[in-house]
Amino acid sequence: MGTRIDYFDDPSAPQANSIVPSANVIVTDDAGRILMIRRSDNGNWAVPGGGMDIGESIAQTAVRETLEETGIHCRITGLVGIYTDPRHVVHYTSNDEVRQEFSVVFTARYVSGDPTPSDESRDVAWVPRDEVGALTMHRSMRHRIDAFLRGEGLPQLG
């Protein structure tokens, strides 16, 4: 497995060569904790998510990616934002793909399952809201989670 390198407004970033609609999901449980993963490809904490497959809706992508990466079944409940800033690119070193950001960030509720790591997540944990800020993550992920914590729930224009 290669690594994932996020760039934001970085003049040394490689040029994007693809764009893939993707979903991220902020899943909460009855205690209000947030489902977080530690990514296998860069070691950063993030919420579950990934690229959309042909034949599924973006909401189906969100549910599938959450289950694949965490072992948790969830139900989509809302929208945090739509993130399409061309200054944010992600370089996947395994195939030299450089994606321009296109992410729909959903809210969801826990339905069933136990946190279980996968090939894409070396750790999966329910994290109390007041502890999320201490986790190491890319600034783009922090921006998305902060928008959720502030209760914005509006599409992002950038």
N, C-alpha and C. Protein backbone atom coordinates (compact mmCIF):
# COMPACT_ATOMS: atom_id res chain seq x y z
N MET A 1 0.84 -1.17 0.00
CA MET A 1 0.00 0.00 0.00
C MET A 1 0.88 1.23 0.00
N GLY A 2 0.54 2.18 -0.84
CA GLY A 2 1.27 3.44 -0.87
C GLY A 2 0.79 4.36 0.24
N THR A 3 1.20 5.59 0.14
CA THR A 3 0.78 6.57 1.12
C THR A 3 -0.14 7.61 0.49
N ARG A 4 -0.81 8.34 1.34
CA ARG A 4 -1.69 9.43 0.93
C ARG A 4 -1.05 10.71 1.46
N ILE A 5 -0.88 11.68 0.57
CA ILE A 5 -0.32 12.96 0.97
C ILE A 5 -1.31 14.04 0.59
N ASP A 6 -1.81 14.77 1.59
CA ASP A 6 -2.73 15.88 1.36
C ASP A 6 -1.94 17.17 1.21
N TYR A 7 -2.33 17.98 0.24
CA TYR A 7 -1.75 19.30 0.04
C TYR A 7 -2.89 20.31 0.05
N PHE A 8 -2.66 21.44 0.71
CA PHE A 8 -3.65 22.52 0.66
C PHE A 8 -2.93 23.83 0.39
N ASP A 9 -3.30 24.45 -0.72
CA ASP A 9 -2.74 25.76 -1.09
C ASP A 9 -1.22 25.73 -1.05
N ASP A 10 -0.65 24.65 -1.58
CA ASP A 10 0.79 24.43 -1.55
C ASP A 10 1.35 24.52 -2.96
N PRO A 11 2.18 25.53 -3.25
CA PRO A 11 2.72 25.67 -4.61
C PRO A 11 3.57 24.48 -5.06
N SER A 12 4.06 23.68 -4.12
CA SER A 12 4.86 22.51 -4.50
C SER A 12 4.01 21.26 -4.72
N ALA A 13 2.70 21.38 -4.56
CA ALA A 13 1.81 20.22 -4.76
C ALA A 13 1.80 19.80 -6.22
N PRO A 14 1.70 18.50 -6.47
CA PRO A 14 1.58 18.04 -7.86
C PRO A 14 0.23 18.48 -8.44
N GLN A 15 0.18 18.56 -9.76
CA GLN A 15 -1.06 18.92 -10.46
C GLN A 15 -2.07 17.78 -10.35
N ALA A 16 -3.32 18.13 -10.13
CA ALA A 16 -4.38 17.12 -10.10
C ALA A 16 -4.50 16.45 -11.46
N ASN A 17 -4.72 15.13 -11.46
CA ASN A 17 -4.93 14.40 -12.71
C ASN A 17 -6.24 13.61 -12.68
N SER A 18 -7.04 13.79 -11.60
CA SER A 18 -8.34 13.12 -11.53
C SER A 18 -9.24 13.85 -10.54
N ILE A 19 -10.50 13.55 -10.65
CA ILE A 19 -11.48 14.01 -9.67
C ILE A 19 -12.46 12.86 -9.46
N VAL A 20 -12.67 12.49 -8.21
CA VAL A 20 -13.52 11.35 -7.87
C VAL A 20 -14.51 11.80 -6.80
N PRO A 21 -15.81 11.75 -7.08
CA PRO A 21 -16.75 12.07 -6.02
C PRO A 21 -16.54 11.13 -4.84
N SER A 22 -16.50 11.69 -3.64
CA SER A 22 -16.29 10.87 -2.46
C SER A 22 -17.19 11.34 -1.33
N ALA A 23 -17.30 10.50 -0.32
CA ALA A 23 -18.12 10.81 0.84
C ALA A 23 -17.29 10.61 2.10
N ASN A 24 -17.53 11.47 3.08
CA ASN A 24 -17.04 11.27 4.44
C ASN A 24 -18.26 11.25 5.34
N VAL A 25 -18.14 10.58 6.48
CA VAL A 25 -19.30 10.40 7.34
C VAL A 25 -18.92 10.67 8.79
N ILE A 26 -19.64 11.58 9.41
CA ILE A 26 -19.48 11.84 10.83
C ILE A 26 -20.59 11.08 11.53
N VAL A 27 -20.23 9.89 12.04
CA VAL A 27 -21.17 9.00 12.70
C VAL A 27 -21.11 9.27 14.20
N THR A 28 -22.28 9.43 14.82
CA THR A 28 -22.33 9.59 16.26
C THR A 28 -23.15 8.46 16.88
N ASP A 29 -22.82 8.18 18.14
CA ASP A 29 -23.58 7.17 18.89
C ASP A 29 -24.50 7.86 19.88
N ASP A 30 -25.21 7.08 20.70
CA ASP A 30 -26.16 7.64 21.65
C ASP A 30 -25.50 8.54 22.69
N ALA A 31 -24.22 8.35 22.94
CA ALA A 31 -23.50 9.19 23.91
C ALA A 31 -22.94 10.45 23.26
N GLY A 32 -23.14 10.61 21.93
CA GLY A 32 -22.65 11.78 21.23
C GLY A 32 -21.20 11.68 20.78
N ARG A 33 -20.59 10.51 20.99
CA ARG A 33 -19.20 10.32 20.55
C ARG A 33 -19.14 10.22 19.03
N ILE A 34 -17.98 10.53 18.48
CA ILE A 34 -17.77 10.52 17.03
C ILE A 34 -16.91 9.31 16.66
N LEU A 35 -17.33 8.59 15.62
CA LEU A 35 -16.57 7.45 15.11
C LEU A 35 -15.38 7.96 14.31
N MET A 36 -14.18 7.59 14.75
CA MET A 36 -12.95 8.04 14.10
C MET A 36 -12.09 6.85 13.71
N ILE A 37 -11.33 7.04 12.64
CA ILE A 37 -10.36 6.03 12.22
C ILE A 37 -8.97 6.66 12.18
N ARG A 38 -7.96 5.83 12.43
CA ARG A 38 -6.58 6.23 12.14
C ARG A 38 -6.23 5.57 10.83
N ARG A 39 -6.02 6.40 9.81
CA ARG A 39 -5.80 5.90 8.46
C ARG A 39 -4.52 5.06 8.38
N SER A 40 -4.58 4.00 7.60
CA SER A 40 -3.40 3.15 7.39
C SER A 40 -2.40 3.79 6.44
N ASP A 41 -2.88 4.66 5.54
CA ASP A 41 -2.00 5.20 4.50
C ASP A 41 -1.21 6.44 4.91
N ASN A 42 -1.60 7.10 6.02
CA ASN A 42 -0.81 8.26 6.45
C ASN A 42 -0.74 8.43 7.97
N GLY A 43 -1.44 7.59 8.72
CA GLY A 43 -1.39 7.65 10.17
C GLY A 43 -2.25 8.73 10.80
N ASN A 44 -2.89 9.56 10.00
CA ASN A 44 -3.75 10.61 10.53
C ASN A 44 -5.11 10.07 10.95
N TRP A 45 -5.73 10.78 11.89
CA TRP A 45 -7.10 10.47 12.27
C TRP A 45 -8.04 11.15 11.30
N ALA A 46 -9.18 10.52 11.05
CA ALA A 46 -10.17 11.03 10.11
C ALA A 46 -11.51 10.38 10.43
N VAL A 47 -12.55 10.87 9.78
CA VAL A 47 -13.82 10.15 9.81
C VAL A 47 -13.81 9.21 8.60
N PRO A 48 -14.60 8.14 8.64
CA PRO A 48 -14.60 7.20 7.52
C PRO A 48 -15.06 7.86 6.22
N GLY A 49 -14.62 7.28 5.11
CA GLY A 49 -15.06 7.78 3.82
C GLY A 49 -14.23 7.22 2.68
N GLY A 50 -14.68 7.53 1.47
CA GLY A 50 -13.96 7.06 0.29
C GLY A 50 -14.72 7.37 -0.98
N GLY A 51 -14.16 6.88 -2.08
CA GLY A 51 -14.66 7.19 -3.41
C GLY A 51 -15.94 6.45 -3.78
N MET A 52 -16.73 7.12 -4.57
CA MET A 52 -18.01 6.59 -5.06
C MET A 52 -17.76 5.57 -6.17
N ASP A 53 -18.52 4.47 -6.12
CA ASP A 53 -18.45 3.45 -7.16
C ASP A 53 -19.60 3.64 -8.15
N ILE A 54 -19.38 3.23 -9.37
CA ILE A 54 -20.45 3.24 -10.37
C ILE A 54 -21.60 2.37 -9.87
N GLY A 55 -22.81 2.86 -10.02
CA GLY A 55 -23.99 2.10 -9.63
C GLY A 55 -24.50 2.39 -8.24
N GLU A 56 -23.85 3.31 -7.51
CA GLU A 56 -24.34 3.65 -6.19
C GLU A 56 -24.52 5.16 -6.07
N SER A 57 -25.37 5.56 -5.14
CA SER A 57 -25.54 6.98 -4.84
C SER A 57 -24.44 7.42 -3.89
N ILE A 58 -24.28 8.72 -3.74
CA ILE A 58 -23.24 9.20 -2.82
C ILE A 58 -23.59 8.83 -1.37
N ALA A 59 -24.88 8.77 -1.03
CA ALA A 59 -25.27 8.34 0.32
C ALA A 59 -24.96 6.86 0.52
N GLN A 60 -25.16 6.04 -0.51
CA GLN A 60 -24.80 4.63 -0.42
C GLN A 60 -23.29 4.47 -0.26
N THR A 61 -22.52 5.33 -0.93
CA THR A 61 -21.07 5.33 -0.77
C THR A 61 -20.70 5.57 0.69
N ALA A 62 -21.35 6.54 1.30
CA ALA A 62 -21.06 6.88 2.70
C ALA A 62 -21.30 5.69 3.62
N VAL A 63 -22.42 5.04 3.46
CA VAL A 63 -22.77 3.89 4.32
C VAL A 63 -21.80 2.74 4.06
N ARG A 64 -21.51 2.43 2.78
CA ARG A 64 -20.60 1.33 2.44
C ARG A 64 -19.20 1.58 2.98
N GLU A 65 -18.68 2.78 2.75
CA GLU A 65 -17.31 3.08 3.21
C GLU A 65 -17.20 3.01 4.72
N THR A 66 -18.22 3.48 5.43
CA THR A 66 -18.21 3.39 6.89
C THR A 66 -18.14 1.94 7.34
N LEU A 67 -18.96 1.09 6.75
CA LEU A 67 -18.96 -0.32 7.11
C LEU A 67 -17.61 -0.97 6.77
N GLU A 68 -17.09 -0.70 5.57
CA GLU A 68 -15.82 -1.32 5.15
C GLU A 68 -14.66 -0.91 6.06
N GLU A 69 -14.62 0.37 6.44
CA GLU A 69 -13.46 0.87 7.19
C GLU A 69 -13.57 0.68 8.69
N THR A 70 -14.82 0.49 9.20
CA THR A 70 -14.98 0.49 10.66
C THR A 70 -15.76 -0.69 11.23
N GLY A 71 -16.50 -1.43 10.40
CA GLY A 71 -17.37 -2.49 10.91
C GLY A 71 -18.68 -1.97 11.48
N ILE A 72 -18.94 -0.69 11.30
CA ILE A 72 -20.13 -0.05 11.86
C ILE A 72 -21.18 0.19 10.77
N HIS A 73 -22.41 -0.24 11.05
CA HIS A 73 -23.56 0.08 10.19
C HIS A 73 -24.11 1.41 10.68
N CYS A 74 -24.43 2.31 9.72
CA CYS A 74 -24.95 3.62 10.10
C CYS A 74 -26.13 4.00 9.21
N ARG A 75 -26.85 5.03 9.65
CA ARG A 75 -27.97 5.58 8.90
C ARG A 75 -27.70 7.07 8.68
N ILE A 76 -27.72 7.51 7.43
CA ILE A 76 -27.47 8.91 7.10
C ILE A 76 -28.59 9.78 7.67
N THR A 77 -28.20 10.89 8.31
CA THR A 77 -29.18 11.78 8.93
C THR A 77 -29.11 13.21 8.42
N GLY A 78 -28.03 13.58 7.76
CA GLY A 78 -27.93 14.97 7.33
C GLY A 78 -26.66 15.25 6.55
N LEU A 79 -26.42 16.52 6.34
CA LEU A 79 -25.30 16.99 5.53
C LEU A 79 -24.51 18.04 6.31
N VAL A 80 -23.21 17.86 6.37
CA VAL A 80 -22.33 18.87 6.96
C VAL A 80 -21.92 19.87 5.89
N GLY A 81 -21.51 19.35 4.73
CA GLY A 81 -21.07 20.25 3.68
C GLY A 81 -20.59 19.53 2.45
N ILE A 82 -20.35 20.32 1.42
CA ILE A 82 -19.80 19.85 0.15
C ILE A 82 -18.48 20.58 -0.04
N TYR A 83 -17.41 19.83 -0.15
CA TYR A 83 -16.07 20.41 -0.18
C TYR A 83 -15.43 20.14 -1.54
N THR A 84 -15.17 21.22 -2.28
CA THR A 84 -14.66 21.09 -3.65
C THR A 84 -13.55 22.11 -3.94
N ASP A 85 -12.76 22.43 -2.97
CA ASP A 85 -11.72 23.44 -3.13
C ASP A 85 -10.59 22.90 -4.01
N PRO A 86 -10.35 23.50 -5.19
CA PRO A 86 -9.29 23.00 -6.07
C PRO A 86 -7.89 23.20 -5.50
N ARG A 87 -7.75 23.98 -4.41
CA ARG A 87 -6.44 24.15 -3.77
C ARG A 87 -6.08 22.95 -2.92
N HIS A 88 -7.05 22.04 -2.68
CA HIS A 88 -6.79 20.83 -1.90
C HIS A 88 -6.68 19.65 -2.87
N VAL A 89 -5.51 19.06 -2.93
CA VAL A 89 -5.29 17.87 -3.75
C VAL A 89 -4.72 16.77 -2.87
N VAL A 90 -5.00 15.53 -3.26
CA VAL A 90 -4.54 14.37 -2.51
C VAL A 90 -3.74 13.49 -3.46
N HIS A 91 -2.48 13.22 -3.09
CA HIS A 91 -1.59 12.40 -3.91
C HIS A 91 -1.54 10.99 -3.33
N TYR A 92 -1.94 10.02 -4.14
CA TYR A 92 -1.86 8.60 -3.76
C TYR A 92 -0.61 8.05 -4.43
N THR A 93 0.40 7.74 -3.64
CA THR A 93 1.69 7.36 -4.20
C THR A 93 1.69 5.97 -4.83
N SER A 94 0.73 5.12 -4.48
CA SER A 94 0.71 3.76 -5.02
C SER A 94 0.50 3.75 -6.53
N ASN A 95 -0.25 4.72 -7.04
CA ASN A 95 -0.50 4.76 -8.49
C ASN A 95 -0.27 6.15 -9.08
N ASP A 96 0.28 7.06 -8.31
CA ASP A 96 0.59 8.43 -8.70
C ASP A 96 -0.66 9.23 -9.10
N GLU A 97 -1.81 8.82 -8.58
CA GLU A 97 -3.02 9.59 -8.81
C GLU A 97 -3.01 10.81 -7.90
N VAL A 98 -3.40 11.96 -8.46
CA VAL A 98 -3.51 13.19 -7.69
C VAL A 98 -4.92 13.72 -7.89
N ARG A 99 -5.74 13.56 -6.84
CA ARG A 99 -7.15 13.93 -6.93
C ARG A 99 -7.40 15.35 -6.46
N GLN A 100 -8.20 16.06 -7.23
CA GLN A 100 -8.74 17.33 -6.74
C GLN A 100 -9.88 17.00 -5.77
N GLU A 101 -9.95 17.72 -4.68
CA GLU A 101 -10.97 17.48 -3.66
C GLU A 101 -12.39 17.55 -4.22
N PHE A 102 -13.19 16.55 -3.89
CA PHE A 102 -14.64 16.57 -4.14
C PHE A 102 -15.27 15.64 -3.12
N SER A 103 -15.66 16.20 -1.99
CA SER A 103 -16.17 15.38 -0.90
C SER A 103 -17.48 15.92 -0.36
N VAL A 104 -18.44 15.02 -0.24
CA VAL A 104 -19.71 15.33 0.41
C VAL A 104 -19.61 14.74 1.82
N VAL A 105 -19.80 15.57 2.82
CA VAL A 105 -19.66 15.13 4.21
C VAL A 105 -21.04 15.03 4.84
N PHE A 106 -21.38 13.81 5.25
CA PHE A 106 -22.68 13.51 5.83
C PHE A 106 -22.58 13.36 7.34
N THR A 107 -23.73 13.51 8.00
CA THR A 107 -23.88 13.07 9.39
C THR A 107 -24.63 11.76 9.36
N ALA A 108 -24.40 10.94 10.36
CA ALA A 108 -25.08 9.64 10.44
C ALA A 108 -25.17 9.20 11.90
N ARG A 109 -26.07 8.28 12.14
CA ARG A 109 -26.24 7.69 13.47
C ARG A 109 -25.83 6.22 13.43
N TYR A 110 -25.24 5.80 14.52
CA TYR A 110 -24.87 4.40 14.72
C TYR A 110 -26.13 3.53 14.70
N VAL A 111 -26.05 2.41 13.97
CA VAL A 111 -27.13 1.43 13.94
C VAL A 111 -26.71 0.15 14.65
N SER A 112 -25.55 -0.41 14.24
CA SER A 112 -25.08 -1.65 14.85
C SER A 112 -23.62 -1.87 14.49
N GLY A 113 -23.03 -2.88 15.13
CA GLY A 113 -21.66 -3.27 14.83
C GLY A 113 -20.69 -2.84 15.92
N ASP A 114 -19.50 -3.40 15.82
CA ASP A 114 -18.42 -3.09 16.75
C ASP A 114 -17.26 -2.48 15.98
N PRO A 115 -16.60 -1.46 16.54
CA PRO A 115 -15.46 -0.86 15.85
C PRO A 115 -14.39 -1.90 15.54
N THR A 116 -14.10 -2.06 14.24
CA THR A 116 -13.16 -3.07 13.77
C THR A 116 -12.24 -2.47 12.71
N PRO A 117 -10.93 -2.47 12.93
CA PRO A 117 -10.01 -1.95 11.91
C PRO A 117 -10.07 -2.77 10.63
N SER A 118 -9.62 -2.15 9.54
CA SER A 118 -9.58 -2.79 8.22
C SER A 118 -8.23 -2.52 7.58
N ASP A 119 -8.09 -2.87 6.31
CA ASP A 119 -6.86 -2.55 5.58
C ASP A 119 -6.64 -1.03 5.51
N GLU A 120 -7.72 -0.26 5.54
CA GLU A 120 -7.64 1.20 5.40
C GLU A 120 -7.58 1.93 6.73
N SER A 121 -7.87 1.22 7.82
CA SER A 121 -7.89 1.87 9.14
C SER A 121 -7.15 1.00 10.15
N ARG A 122 -6.08 1.55 10.68
CA ARG A 122 -5.33 0.75 11.66
C ARG A 122 -5.94 0.82 13.05
N ASP A 123 -6.72 1.87 13.33
CA ASP A 123 -7.46 1.99 14.58
C ASP A 123 -8.85 2.53 14.28
N VAL A 124 -9.83 2.09 15.05
CA VAL A 124 -11.20 2.62 14.97
C VAL A 124 -11.64 2.87 16.40
N ALA A 125 -12.18 4.06 16.67
CA ALA A 125 -12.56 4.38 18.04
C ALA A 125 -13.73 5.35 18.08
N TRP A 126 -14.54 5.22 19.12
CA TRP A 126 -15.56 6.21 19.45
C TRP A 126 -14.86 7.26 20.30
N VAL A 127 -14.82 8.50 19.83
CA VAL A 127 -14.08 9.56 20.51
C VAL A 127 -15.05 10.61 21.04
N PRO A 128 -14.97 10.94 22.34
CA PRO A 128 -15.80 12.02 22.86
C PRO A 128 -15.52 13.33 22.11
N ARG A 129 -16.55 14.12 21.90
CA ARG A 129 -16.41 15.36 21.13
C ARG A 129 -15.29 16.25 21.66
N ASP A 130 -15.16 16.35 22.98
CA ASP A 130 -14.16 17.24 23.56
C ASP A 130 -12.74 16.70 23.46
N GLU A 131 -12.57 15.49 22.94
CA GLU A 131 -11.23 14.91 22.75
C GLU A 131 -10.79 14.86 21.30
N VAL A 132 -11.71 15.16 20.38
CA VAL A 132 -11.38 15.10 18.94
C VAL A 132 -10.28 16.10 18.59
N GLY A 133 -10.30 17.27 19.22
CA GLY A 133 -9.31 18.31 18.92
C GLY A 133 -7.88 17.90 19.19
N ALA A 134 -7.66 16.93 20.06
CA ALA A 134 -6.31 16.49 20.41
C ALA A 134 -5.74 15.49 19.41
N LEU A 135 -6.57 14.98 18.49
CA LEU A 135 -6.11 13.98 17.53
C LEU A 135 -5.35 14.63 16.38
N THR A 136 -4.33 13.94 15.89
CA THR A 136 -3.56 14.41 14.74
C THR A 136 -4.33 14.12 13.46
N MET A 137 -4.62 15.18 12.69
CA MET A 137 -5.35 15.02 11.43
C MET A 137 -4.98 16.15 10.49
N HIS A 138 -5.24 15.94 9.19
CA HIS A 138 -4.99 16.99 8.20
C HIS A 138 -5.95 18.14 8.43
N ARG A 139 -5.52 19.34 8.10
CA ARG A 139 -6.35 20.53 8.33
C ARG A 139 -7.69 20.46 7.61
N SER A 140 -7.77 19.80 6.46
CA SER A 140 -9.04 19.70 5.74
C SER A 140 -10.04 18.85 6.53
N MET A 141 -9.57 17.78 7.17
CA MET A 141 -10.45 16.94 7.99
C MET A 141 -10.88 17.71 9.24
N ARG A 142 -9.95 18.41 9.85
CA ARG A 142 -10.29 19.20 11.03
C ARG A 142 -11.35 20.25 10.69
N HIS A 143 -11.21 20.88 9.53
CA HIS A 143 -12.19 21.89 9.08
C HIS A 143 -13.59 21.27 8.99
N ARG A 144 -13.69 20.08 8.44
CA ARG A 144 -14.98 19.40 8.28
C ARG A 144 -15.58 19.03 9.64
N ILE A 145 -14.76 18.49 10.52
CA ILE A 145 -15.25 18.09 11.85
C ILE A 145 -15.65 19.33 12.65
N ASP A 146 -14.84 20.38 12.57
CA ASP A 146 -15.17 21.63 13.28
C ASP A 146 -16.50 22.20 12.79
N ALA A 147 -16.76 22.12 11.48
CA ALA A 147 -18.04 22.60 10.95
C ALA A 147 -19.19 21.81 11.57
N PHE A 148 -19.02 20.51 11.69
CA PHE A 148 -20.03 19.68 12.33
C PHE A 148 -20.22 20.08 13.79
N LEU A 149 -19.12 20.22 14.52
CA LEU A 149 -19.20 20.54 15.94
C LEU A 149 -19.84 21.91 16.19
N ARG A 150 -19.65 22.83 15.24
CA ARG A 150 -20.28 24.15 15.35
C ARG A 150 -21.74 24.11 14.92
N GLY A 151 -22.19 22.99 14.34
CA GLY A 151 -23.57 22.86 13.91
C GLY A 151 -23.90 23.63 12.66
N GLU A 152 -22.90 23.86 11.81
CA GLU A 152 -23.14 24.66 10.61
C GLU A 152 -24.06 23.96 9.64
N GLY A 153 -23.75 22.75 9.23
CA GLY A 153 -24.60 21.98 8.35
C GLY A 153 -24.96 22.66 7.05
N LEU A 154 -24.06 23.47 6.52
CA LEU A 154 -24.31 24.17 5.27
C LEU A 154 -23.25 23.80 4.24
N PRO A 155 -23.61 23.72 2.96
CA PRO A 155 -22.60 23.45 1.94
C PRO A 155 -21.49 24.50 1.97
N GLN A 156 -20.26 24.04 1.86
CA GLN A 156 -19.12 24.93 1.82
C GLN A 156 -18.94 25.45 0.40
N LEU A 157 -18.60 26.70 0.28
CA LEU A 157 -18.44 27.29 -1.04
C LEU A 157 -17.05 27.11 -1.59
N GLY A 158 -16.14 26.60 -0.80
CA GLY A 158 -14.76 26.43 -1.26
C GLY A 158 -14.36 24.99 -1.28
